[in-house]
Structures are given as C-alpha cells and as structure tokens.
C-alpha atoms as a PDB file:
ATOM      1  CA  UNK A   1       2.829 -23.142  17.752  1.00  0.00           C
ATOM      2  CA  UNK A   2       6.291 -23.796  19.175  1.00  0.00           C
ATOM      3  CA  UNK A   3       8.925 -21.145  18.451  1.00  0.00           C
ATOM      4  CA  UNK A   4      12.498 -22.447  18.329  1.00  0.00           C
ATOM      5  CA  UNK A   5      15.880 -21.310  17.032  1.00  0.00           C
ATOM      6  CA  UNK A   6      14.868 -22.801  13.680  1.00  0.00           C
ATOM      7  CA  UNK A   7      11.704 -20.688  13.400  1.00  0.00           C
ATOM      8  CA  UNK A   8      11.947 -18.134  10.578  1.00  0.00           C
ATOM      9  CA  UNK A   9      11.147 -14.585  11.673  1.00  0.00           C
ATOM     10  CA  UNK A  10       9.222 -12.152   9.496  1.00  0.00           C
ATOM     11  CA  UNK A  11       7.633  -8.853  10.394  1.00  0.00           C
ATOM     12  CA  UNK A  12       6.581  -5.340   9.551  1.00  0.00           C
ATOM     13  CA  UNK A  13       8.575  -2.212  10.360  1.00  0.00           C
ATOM     14  CA  UNK A  14       7.313   1.358  10.354  1.00  0.00           C
ATOM     15  CA  UNK A  15       6.261   4.232  12.563  1.00  0.00           C
ATOM     16  CA  UNK A  16       3.604   3.600  13.713  1.00  0.00           C
ATOM     17  CA  UNK A  17       2.833  -0.120  13.263  1.00  0.00           C
ATOM     18  CA  UNK A  18       0.477  -0.725  16.190  1.00  0.00           C
ATOM     19  CA  UNK A  19      -2.533  -0.375  13.879  1.00  0.00           C
ATOM     20  CA  UNK A  20      -1.266  -2.923  11.351  1.00  0.00           C
ATOM     21  CA  UNK A  21      -3.358  -5.977  10.489  1.00  0.00           C
ATOM     22  CA  UNK A  22      -0.416  -7.646   8.752  1.00  0.00           C
ATOM     23  CA  UNK A  23       0.522  -9.862  11.742  1.00  0.00           C
ATOM     24  CA  UNK A  24      -3.007 -11.304  11.856  1.00  0.00           C
ATOM     25  CA  UNK A  25      -3.006 -11.901   8.109  1.00  0.00           C
ATOM     26  CA  UNK A  26       0.454 -13.419   7.767  1.00  0.00           C
ATOM     27  CA  UNK A  27       0.372 -15.544  10.917  1.00  0.00           C
ATOM     28  CA  UNK A  28      -2.933 -17.045   9.765  1.00  0.00           C
ATOM     29  CA  UNK A  29      -1.449 -17.862   6.352  1.00  0.00           C
ATOM     30  CA  UNK A  30       1.612 -19.353   8.071  1.00  0.00           C
ATOM     31  CA  UNK A  31      -0.715 -21.571  10.124  1.00  0.00           C
ATOM     32  CA  UNK A  32      -2.754 -22.508   7.015  1.00  0.00           C
ATOM     33  CA  UNK A  33       0.374 -23.964   5.419  1.00  0.00           C
ATOM     34  CA  UNK A  34       1.992 -25.416   8.544  1.00  0.00           C
ATOM     35  CA  UNK A  35       5.141 -23.331   8.210  1.00  0.00           C
ATOM     36  CA  UNK A  36       7.746 -22.963  10.955  1.00  0.00           C
ATOM     37  CA  UNK A  37       7.661 -19.173  10.956  1.00  0.00           C
ATOM     38  CA  UNK A  38       6.327 -16.214  12.899  1.00  0.00           C
ATOM     39  CA  UNK A  39       5.389 -12.654  11.898  1.00  0.00           C
ATOM     40  CA  UNK A  40       5.688  -9.701  14.288  1.00  0.00           C
ATOM     41  CA  UNK A  41       5.116  -5.933  14.277  1.00  0.00           C
ATOM     42  CA  UNK A  42       8.241  -3.869  15.014  1.00  0.00           C
ATOM     43  CA  UNK A  43       8.071  -0.090  15.480  1.00  0.00           C
ATOM     44  CA  UNK A  44      11.142   1.564  13.993  1.00  0.00           C
ATOM     45  CA  UNK A  45      11.899   5.090  15.148  1.00  0.00           C
ATOM     46  CA  UNK A  46      15.186   6.407  13.754  1.00  0.00           C
ATOM     47  CA  UNK A  47      16.786   9.595  12.514  1.00  0.00           C
ATOM     48  CA  UNK A  48      18.658   7.412   9.999  1.00  0.00           C
ATOM     49  CA  UNK A  49      16.277   4.607   8.989  1.00  0.00           C
ATOM     50  CA  UNK A  50      18.506   3.465   6.123  1.00  0.00           C
ATOM     51  CA  UNK A  51      21.328   2.735   8.554  1.00  0.00           C
ATOM     52  CA  UNK A  52      18.893   1.166  11.029  1.00  0.00           C
ATOM     53  CA  UNK A  53      17.537  -1.218   8.380  1.00  0.00           C
ATOM     54  CA  UNK A  54      21.053  -2.134   7.230  1.00  0.00           C
ATOM     55  CA  UNK A  55      21.898  -2.928  10.857  1.00  0.00           C
ATOM     56  CA  UNK A  56      19.064  -5.494  10.918  1.00  0.00           C
ATOM     57  CA  UNK A  57      21.018  -7.769   8.565  1.00  0.00           C
ATOM     58  CA  UNK A  58      22.619  -9.699  11.410  1.00  0.00           C
ATOM     59  CA  UNK A  59      19.498 -10.137  13.536  1.00  0.00           C
ATOM     60  CA  UNK A  60      18.173 -13.289  11.887  1.00  0.00           C
ATOM     61  CA  UNK A  61      15.199 -11.980   9.943  1.00  0.00           C
ATOM     62  CA  UNK A  62      14.039 -13.859   6.856  1.00  0.00           C
ATOM     63  CA  UNK A  63      11.839 -11.098   5.490  1.00  0.00           C
ATOM     64  CA  UNK A  64      10.109  -7.836   6.350  1.00  0.00           C
ATOM     65  CA  UNK A  65       7.247  -5.710   5.178  1.00  0.00           C
ATOM     66  CA  UNK A  66       7.920  -1.975   5.330  1.00  0.00           C
ATOM     67  CA  UNK A  67       5.313   0.710   5.879  1.00  0.00           C
ATOM     68  CA  UNK A  68       5.418   4.496   6.273  1.00  0.00           C
ATOM     69  CA  UNK A  69       7.685   6.341   6.605  1.00  0.00           C
ATOM     70  CA  UNK A  70      10.502   3.896   5.753  1.00  0.00           C
ATOM     71  CA  UNK A  71       9.771   2.608   2.235  1.00  0.00           C
ATOM     72  CA  UNK A  72      12.407   4.766   0.536  1.00  0.00           C
ATOM     73  CA  UNK A  73      14.945   3.916   3.253  1.00  0.00           C
ATOM     74  CA  UNK A  74      14.236   0.209   2.755  1.00  0.00           C
ATOM     75  CA  UNK A  75      15.050   0.416  -0.943  1.00  0.00           C
ATOM     76  CA  UNK A  76      18.244   2.349  -0.196  1.00  0.00           C
ATOM     77  CA  UNK A  77      19.313  -0.108   2.501  1.00  0.00           C
ATOM     78  CA  UNK A  78      18.942  -3.235   0.351  1.00  0.00           C
ATOM     79  CA  UNK A  79      21.744  -4.793  -1.680  1.00  0.00           C
ATOM     80  CA  UNK A  80      19.442  -4.887  -4.694  1.00  0.00           C
ATOM     81  CA  UNK A  81      16.111  -3.182  -5.309  1.00  0.00           C
ATOM     82  CA  UNK A  82      13.497  -3.048  -8.053  1.00  0.00           C
ATOM     83  CA  UNK A  83      13.078   0.700  -7.544  1.00  0.00           C
ATOM     84  CA  UNK A  84      13.478   3.680  -5.243  1.00  0.00           C
ATOM     85  CA  UNK A  85      10.599   2.646  -2.950  1.00  0.00           C
ATOM     86  CA  UNK A  86      10.199  -0.803  -1.341  1.00  0.00           C
ATOM     87  CA  UNK A  87       7.608  -2.408   0.905  1.00  0.00           C
ATOM     88  CA  UNK A  88       9.120  -5.914   1.014  1.00  0.00           C
ATOM     89  CA  UNK A  89      12.592  -7.070   2.057  1.00  0.00           C
ATOM     90  CA  UNK A  90      13.880 -10.634   1.642  1.00  0.00           C
ATOM     91  CA  UNK A  91      17.059 -12.021   3.143  1.00  0.00           C
ATOM     92  CA  UNK A  92      18.851 -14.317   0.691  1.00  0.00           C
ATOM     93  CA  UNK A  93      20.907 -17.416   1.531  1.00  0.00           C
ATOM     94  CA  UNK A  94      24.165 -15.460   1.124  1.00  0.00           C
ATOM     95  CA  UNK A  95      23.006 -12.898   3.706  1.00  0.00           C
ATOM     96  CA  UNK A  96      22.260 -10.163   1.172  1.00  0.00           C
ATOM     97  CA  UNK A  97      18.924  -8.335   1.101  1.00  0.00           C
ATOM     98  CA  UNK A  98      16.607  -7.946  -1.891  1.00  0.00           C
ATOM     99  CA  UNK A  99      13.937  -5.236  -1.966  1.00  0.00           C
ATOM    100  CA  UNK A 100      10.622  -5.398  -3.820  1.00  0.00           C
ATOM    101  CA  UNK A 101       7.478  -3.331  -4.099  1.00  0.00           C
ATOM    102  CA  UNK A 102       4.190  -5.225  -4.135  1.00  0.00           C
ATOM    103  CA  UNK A 103       2.007  -2.174  -3.387  1.00  0.00           C
ATOM    104  CA  UNK A 104       1.290  -1.295  -7.013  1.00  0.00           C
ATOM    105  CA  UNK A 105       0.540  -4.807  -8.206  1.00  0.00           C
ATOM    106  CA  UNK A 106      -1.492  -5.428  -5.049  1.00  0.00           C
ATOM    107  CA  UNK A 107      -3.576  -2.333  -5.787  1.00  0.00           C
ATOM    108  CA  UNK A 108      -4.241  -3.538  -9.346  1.00  0.00           C
ATOM    109  CA  UNK A 109      -5.262  -6.966  -8.026  1.00  0.00           C
ATOM    110  CA  UNK A 110      -7.724  -5.303  -5.636  1.00  0.00           C
ATOM    111  CA  UNK A 111      -9.016  -2.944  -8.329  1.00  0.00           C
ATOM    112  CA  UNK A 112      -9.659  -5.884 -10.660  1.00  0.00           C
ATOM    113  CA  UNK A 113     -11.683  -7.555  -7.887  1.00  0.00           C
ATOM    114  CA  UNK A 114     -13.751  -4.427  -7.290  1.00  0.00           C
ATOM    115  CA  UNK A 115     -14.175  -3.333 -10.912  1.00  0.00           C
ATOM    116  CA  UNK A 116     -13.246  -6.117 -13.365  1.00  0.00           C
ATOM    117  CA  UNK A 117     -13.874  -3.733 -16.286  1.00  0.00           C
ATOM    118  CA  UNK A 118     -11.642  -0.915 -14.974  1.00  0.00           C
ATOM    119  CA  UNK A 119      -9.199  -1.082 -17.891  1.00  0.00           C
ATOM    120  CA  UNK A 120     -11.991  -0.107 -20.248  1.00  0.00           C
ATOM    121  CA  UNK A 121     -13.299   2.746 -18.130  1.00  0.00           C
ATOM    122  CA  UNK A 122     -10.229   4.373 -16.511  1.00  0.00           C
ATOM    123  CA  UNK A 123      -8.159   6.783 -18.591  1.00  0.00           C
ATOM    124  CA  UNK A 124      -7.556   9.658 -16.147  1.00  0.00           C
ATOM    125  CA  UNK A 125      -6.422   9.062 -12.568  1.00  0.00           C
ATOM    126  CA  UNK A 126      -6.303  11.513  -9.676  1.00  0.00           C
ATOM    127  CA  UNK A 127      -3.848  10.428  -6.964  1.00  0.00           C
ATOM    128  CA  UNK A 128      -4.384  12.144  -3.612  1.00  0.00           C
ATOM    129  CA  UNK A 129      -0.981  12.065  -1.934  1.00  0.00           C
ATOM    130  CA  UNK A 130       2.499  11.449  -3.270  1.00  0.00           C
ATOM    131  CA  UNK A 131       4.162   9.134  -0.759  1.00  0.00           C
ATOM    132  CA  UNK A 132       5.588   5.674  -1.316  1.00  0.00           C
ATOM    133  CA  UNK A 133       2.216   3.976  -1.819  1.00  0.00           C
ATOM    134  CA  UNK A 134       1.031   6.663  -4.257  1.00  0.00           C
ATOM    135  CA  UNK A 135       4.244   6.342  -6.244  1.00  0.00           C
ATOM    136  CA  UNK A 136       3.957   2.546  -6.427  1.00  0.00           C
ATOM    137  CA  UNK A 137       0.304   2.683  -7.461  1.00  0.00           C
ATOM    138  CA  UNK A 138       1.118   5.329 -10.057  1.00  0.00           C
ATOM    139  CA  UNK A 139       3.903   3.190 -11.515  1.00  0.00           C
ATOM    140  CA  UNK A 140       1.553   0.209 -11.760  1.00  0.00           C
ATOM    141  CA  UNK A 141      -1.315   2.179 -13.318  1.00  0.00           C
ATOM    142  CA  UNK A 142       0.854   4.185 -15.723  1.00  0.00           C
ATOM    143  CA  UNK A 143       0.945   1.681 -18.640  1.00  0.00           C
ATOM    144  CA  UNK A 144      -2.852   1.299 -18.563  1.00  0.00           C
ATOM    145  CA  UNK A 145      -4.058   4.919 -18.454  1.00  0.00           C
ATOM    146  CA  UNK A 146      -3.594   8.230 -20.281  1.00  0.00           C
ATOM    147  CA  UNK A 147      -2.703  10.530 -17.370  1.00  0.00           C
ATOM    148  CA  UNK A 148      -2.106  10.384 -13.632  1.00  0.00           C
ATOM    149  CA  UNK A 149      -2.386  13.651 -11.720  1.00  0.00           C
ATOM    150  CA  UNK A 150      -0.714  13.783  -8.298  1.00  0.00           C
ATOM    151  CA  UNK A 151      -2.143  16.249  -5.782  1.00  0.00           C
ATOM    152  CA  UNK A 152      -0.248  16.684  -2.520  1.00  0.00           C
ATOM    153  CA  UNK A 153      -0.251  19.300   0.216  1.00  0.00           C
ATOM    154  CA  UNK A 154       3.521  19.565  -0.274  1.00  0.00           C
ATOM    155  CA  UNK A 155       3.818  20.432  -3.961  1.00  0.00           C
ATOM    156  CA  UNK A 156       7.447  19.338  -4.265  1.00  0.00           C
ATOM    157  CA  UNK A 157       6.525  15.748  -3.411  1.00  0.00           C
ATOM    158  CA  UNK A 158       3.812  15.761  -6.072  1.00  0.00           C
ATOM    159  CA  UNK A 159       6.355  16.992  -8.613  1.00  0.00           C
ATOM    160  CA  UNK A 160       8.788  14.219  -7.669  1.00  0.00           C
ATOM    161  CA  UNK A 161       6.104  11.536  -7.966  1.00  0.00           C
ATOM    162  CA  UNK A 162       4.791  12.876 -11.272  1.00  0.00           C
ATOM    163  CA  UNK A 163       8.249  13.163 -12.830  1.00  0.00           C
ATOM    164  CA  UNK A 164       8.935   9.474 -12.161  1.00  0.00           C
ATOM    165  CA  UNK A 165       6.366   8.261 -14.709  1.00  0.00           C
ATOM    166  CA  UNK A 166       5.926   9.166 -18.374  1.00  0.00           C
ATOM    167  CA  UNK A 167       2.291  10.300 -18.022  1.00  0.00           C
ATOM    168  CA  UNK A 168       2.537  11.832 -14.563  1.00  0.00           C
ATOM    169  CA  UNK A 169       1.197  15.337 -13.997  1.00  0.00           C
ATOM    170  CA  UNK A 170       0.833  17.672 -11.001  1.00  0.00           C
ATOM    171  CA  UNK A 171      -2.461  19.086  -9.753  1.00  0.00           C
ATOM    172  CA  UNK A 172      -2.387  21.914  -7.215  1.00  0.00           C
ATOM    173  CA  UNK A 173      -3.971  21.026  -3.876  1.00  0.00           C
ATOM    174  CA  UNK A 174      -6.192  24.114  -4.153  1.00  0.00           C
ATOM    175  CA  UNK A 175      -7.458  22.885  -7.552  1.00  0.00           C
ATOM    176  CA  UNK A 176      -8.977  19.594  -6.369  1.00  0.00           C
ATOM    177  CA  UNK A 177     -12.448  20.389  -7.699  1.00  0.00           C
ATOM    178  CA  UNK A 178     -11.133  20.382 -11.269  1.00  0.00           C
ATOM    179  CA  UNK A 179      -9.208  17.168 -10.626  1.00  0.00           C
ATOM    180  CA  UNK A 180     -12.221  15.339  -9.205  1.00  0.00           C
ATOM    181  CA  UNK A 181     -14.328  16.507 -12.142  1.00  0.00           C
ATOM    182  CA  UNK A 182     -11.888  15.140 -14.741  1.00  0.00           C
ATOM    183  CA  UNK A 183     -10.943  11.810 -13.141  1.00  0.00           C
ATOM    184  CA  UNK A 184     -12.187   8.300 -13.895  1.00  0.00           C
ATOM    185  CA  UNK A 185     -10.420   6.909 -10.823  1.00  0.00           C
ATOM    186  CA  UNK A 186      -9.647   8.812  -7.613  1.00  0.00           C
ATOM    187  CA  UNK A 187      -7.157   7.138  -5.252  1.00  0.00           C
ATOM    188  CA  UNK A 188      -6.927   8.454  -1.688  1.00  0.00           C
ATOM    189  CA  UNK A 189      -3.462   7.583  -0.299  1.00  0.00           C
ATOM    190  CA  UNK A 190      -2.968  10.249   2.384  1.00  0.00           C
ATOM    191  CA  UNK A 191      -3.371   9.781   6.144  1.00  0.00           C
ATOM    192  CA  UNK A 192      -6.338  12.171   6.127  1.00  0.00           C
ATOM    193  CA  UNK A 193      -8.805   9.257   6.204  1.00  0.00           C
ATOM    194  CA  UNK A 194      -7.266   7.583   9.234  1.00  0.00           C
ATOM    195  CA  UNK A 195      -8.829   7.515  12.684  1.00  0.00           C
ATOM    196  CA  UNK A 196      -7.985  10.598  14.710  1.00  0.00           C
ATOM    197  CA  UNK A 197      -7.224  12.838  11.730  1.00  0.00           C
ATOM    198  CA  UNK A 198      -9.081  16.134  11.202  1.00  0.00           C
ATOM    199  CA  UNK A 199     -12.020  15.806   8.852  1.00  0.00           C
ATOM    200  CA  UNK A 200     -11.291  16.595   5.208  1.00  0.00           C
ATOM    201  CA  UNK A 201     -14.137  17.601   2.910  1.00  0.00           C
ATOM    202  CA  UNK A 202     -13.492  16.127  -0.538  1.00  0.00           C
ATOM    203  CA  UNK A 203     -15.198  17.642  -3.626  1.00  0.00           C
ATOM    204  CA  UNK A 204     -16.831  14.353  -4.664  1.00  0.00           C
ATOM    205  CA  UNK A 205     -19.918  16.165  -5.927  1.00  0.00           C
ATOM    206  CA  UNK A 206     -17.814  17.169  -8.946  1.00  0.00           C
ATOM    207  CA  UNK A 207     -17.269  13.516  -9.941  1.00  0.00           C
ATOM    208  CA  UNK A 208     -19.064  11.903 -12.851  1.00  0.00           C
ATOM    209  CA  UNK A 209     -21.284   8.916 -11.880  1.00  0.00           C
ATOM    210  CA  UNK A 210     -18.919   6.358 -13.446  1.00  0.00           C
ATOM    211  CA  UNK A 211     -15.967   7.298 -11.243  1.00  0.00           C
ATOM    212  CA  UNK A 212     -14.260   4.655  -9.076  1.00  0.00           C
ATOM    213  CA  UNK A 213     -13.226   5.958  -5.637  1.00  0.00           C
ATOM    214  CA  UNK A 214     -10.485   4.005  -3.845  1.00  0.00           C
ATOM    215  CA  UNK A 215      -9.093   4.613  -0.364  1.00  0.00           C
ATOM    216  CA  UNK A 216      -6.012   2.654   0.749  1.00  0.00           C
ATOM    217  CA  UNK A 217      -6.742   3.363   4.441  1.00  0.00           C
ATOM    218  CA  UNK A 218      -8.375   0.426   6.267  1.00  0.00           C
ATOM    219  CA  UNK A 219      -8.748   1.895   9.771  1.00  0.00           C
ATOM    220  CA  UNK A 220     -11.561   2.793   9.617  1.00  0.00           C
ATOM    221  CA  UNK A 221     -12.678   0.410   6.875  1.00  0.00           C
ATOM    222  CA  UNK A 222     -15.465   2.794   5.852  1.00  0.00           C
ATOM    223  CA  UNK A 223     -13.620   6.107   5.688  1.00  0.00           C
ATOM    224  CA  UNK A 224     -15.321   9.476   5.329  1.00  0.00           C
ATOM    225  CA  UNK A 225     -13.943   9.577   1.773  1.00  0.00           C
ATOM    226  CA  UNK A 226     -15.617   6.262   0.890  1.00  0.00           C
ATOM    227  CA  UNK A 227     -18.820   7.093   2.740  1.00  0.00           C
ATOM    228  CA  UNK A 228     -19.163  10.343   0.786  1.00  0.00           C
ATOM    229  CA  UNK A 229     -18.330   8.598  -2.502  1.00  0.00           C
ATOM    230  CA  UNK A 230     -20.924   5.870  -1.962  1.00  0.00           C
ATOM    231  CA  UNK A 231     -23.509   8.447  -0.906  1.00  0.00           C
ATOM    232  CA  UNK A 232     -22.861  10.058  -4.287  1.00  0.00           C
ATOM    233  CA  UNK A 233     -23.557   6.665  -5.941  1.00  0.00           C
ATOM    234  CA  UNK A 234     -19.935   6.011  -6.895  1.00  0.00           C
ATOM    235  CA  UNK A 235     -18.256   2.608  -6.852  1.00  0.00           C
ATOM    236  CA  UNK A 236     -15.977   2.505  -3.803  1.00  0.00           C
ATOM    237  CA  UNK A 237     -12.954   0.345  -2.975  1.00  0.00           C
ATOM    238  CA  UNK A 238     -11.760   0.051   0.627  1.00  0.00           C
ATOM    239  CA  UNK A 239      -8.167  -0.358   1.778  1.00  0.00           C
ATOM    240  CA  UNK A 240      -8.360  -4.027   2.747  1.00  0.00           C
ATOM    241  CA  UNK A 241      -8.052  -5.202  -0.845  1.00  0.00           C
ATOM    242  CA  UNK A 242      -4.674  -3.590  -1.419  1.00  0.00           C
ATOM    243  CA  UNK A 243      -3.426  -4.672   2.017  1.00  0.00           C
ATOM    244  CA  UNK A 244      -4.370  -8.287   1.352  1.00  0.00           C
ATOM    245  CA  UNK A 245      -3.085  -8.511  -2.204  1.00  0.00           C
ATOM    246  CA  UNK A 246       0.237  -6.758  -1.589  1.00  0.00           C
ATOM    247  CA  UNK A 247       0.628  -9.082   1.411  1.00  0.00           C
ATOM    248  CA  UNK A 248      -0.174 -12.149  -0.679  1.00  0.00           C
ATOM    249  CA  UNK A 249       2.509 -11.168  -3.178  1.00  0.00           C
ATOM    250  CA  UNK A 250       4.997 -10.656  -0.327  1.00  0.00           C
ATOM    251  CA  UNK A 251       4.096 -14.092   1.097  1.00  0.00           C
ATOM    252  CA  UNK A 252       4.774 -15.622  -2.321  1.00  0.00           C
ATOM    253  CA  UNK A 253       8.156 -13.863  -2.504  1.00  0.00           C
ATOM    254  CA  UNK A 254       9.124 -15.287   0.897  1.00  0.00           C
ATOM    255  CA  UNK A 255       7.648 -18.792   0.749  1.00  0.00           C
ATOM    256  CA  UNK A 256       6.828 -19.497  -2.906  1.00  0.00           C
ATOM    257  CA  UNK A 257       3.183 -19.985  -1.879  1.00  0.00           C
ATOM    258  CA  UNK A 258       0.086 -18.102  -3.072  1.00  0.00           C
ATOM    259  CA  UNK A 259      -2.128 -17.765   0.025  1.00  0.00           C
ATOM    260  CA  UNK A 260      -5.922 -17.609   0.219  1.00  0.00           C
ATOM    261  CA  UNK A 261      -6.896 -13.941  -0.155  1.00  0.00           C
ATOM    262  CA  UNK A 262     -10.643 -14.503   0.311  1.00  0.00           C
ATOM    263  CA  UNK A 263     -10.043 -16.202   3.654  1.00  0.00           C
ATOM    264  CA  UNK A 264      -7.763 -13.320   4.657  1.00  0.00           C
ATOM    265  CA  UNK A 265     -10.521 -10.788   4.005  1.00  0.00           C
ATOM    266  CA  UNK A 266     -12.958 -12.707   6.219  1.00  0.00           C
ATOM    267  CA  UNK A 267     -10.401 -12.826   9.015  1.00  0.00           C
ATOM    268  CA  UNK A 268      -9.474  -9.160   8.789  1.00  0.00           C
ATOM    269  CA  UNK A 269     -13.064  -7.940   8.705  1.00  0.00           C
ATOM    270  CA  UNK A 270     -13.666  -9.991  11.849  1.00  0.00           C
ATOM    271  CA  UNK A 271     -10.565  -8.452  13.445  1.00  0.00           C
ATOM    272  CA  UNK A 272     -11.721  -4.932  12.596  1.00  0.00           C
ATOM    273  CA  UNK A 273     -15.069  -5.599  14.242  1.00  0.00           C
END
C-alpha cells in the first residue's frame, strides 16, 4: 500500500507492545476493505501517561488501542469516556477524543463462541487479577451472574475492582482453592501465564467438571493455566477470542465496519506459529 499525508493512522500504545498481534489483525482488516489507513505499535513509557496521551492530540492519529499499563490513563486523558478504564481512543472531527472500552463486550463475544450456553451455566465467577481487563470483564459479566470474586496479589486492587460492581466480592490470594472450588467460570487475567513468567501452580483440581476456564493471555496460546484445565477435562478458552472480538468492536468504532473475525483467527494462529 502507498502511505501518504491522507493516510489515517491508527495504533496501539502500551508498555510493552512488541508482543502485540493487533497490527497484524488490523492491517489485514484494513486491506480487506481497501481503506487508506495504517496501524502501528507504539511503546509508551512515561511517568505521567495521562499527560503523554493528551499530548498525542496534535500528532494526527485517528484512533488508538490502549493496553497495559495505560488503560486508566487513557480514560482520564480523553475528553469523554464511558468509564474509568479505556482500551480504545477515537479522535473526532472537532479534534476531541472519545474513550471506549471494548474489552468486556469482546470477552462476552468470545465466551459465547466457546460456550454458547454459558448464560445458563455460569452463576459464580472467579476473576484472577484486578487490572483494567479484569475490571472491564467484570463489568460486562456482572448483569448475567450472581457473584464475581476478584483475587489479586495486591489486595487493595481487588477491593477497588470488586467495589465497582454491585455483585463484586474479594477473595484472598491465599484462599484460591476455595475460589476455584466454588466457581462456574474462572478467568485468568494476570501476566502470570505469559512467556518468561515464573510458573504458577493453579488449584484446578478443586474445580467441578462443568467449569469454564478462560485465559486472556495469547502468548503462548496454550498457557500452563489452559493446559492444566484441559488436562482436568474442563472447557478452555484461549486469549485470541477476546483479542479478536475487542479489536473487531474497535474497528467498528473507527470505521463503521464489522470485520471478519473468523479470518482474523486464522491469520493470528498462523502468525503465532
């Protein structure tokens, strides 16, 4: 493709972003629809990310995805936001910035693909982690379930996440066995599954056989958490589904186009290989 001054620039900001598959996914969708746009990965290291994101207003971006650790800063930096955590920014015609969060809805889309009957079988959720993604997923799941327990190594973050939803609760990190035993859906949102992290032994043996185990990490695609869950006979959901569906919703916010999610999965699996 030819990049000119008229080409719209989109991207992903975070620290780190070198592992992100979003450029492959979005640039392929851009090509599918013949759009004059490009999507790039931009590492953002800053002691004041809110100010850094506000300073990007004059740089000509049309839209950005936001990943860890800048989702709260992105919401704060925008002129208008749907909530306190954002993973999508959109520059409007008047130069203002709107913030959205597609993580939660993207997770539900992926969950419905993996387990179409989940609404009838999930009443109690255990959320491992309490960062921006966990909060967004919790917000999305909250109207459909009875309770959501947040377990986080830093207890204060779990308390903040739990207090933001009507049926949020806190589970102590040293009480995971009880949490796994009570849950219908366990969602792993921490970085503990990522490549290069120390191995974490999860108490999946305490799970009932009907439990759904979801990991939002996609590098590696088959995490130790998922491998152990599937060895236990549990239904597992990898992180590609959420990545693709939150990205598809972002693409729609930017272009008004619903892209092909099945094609995206084929492309990303090939890229991971």
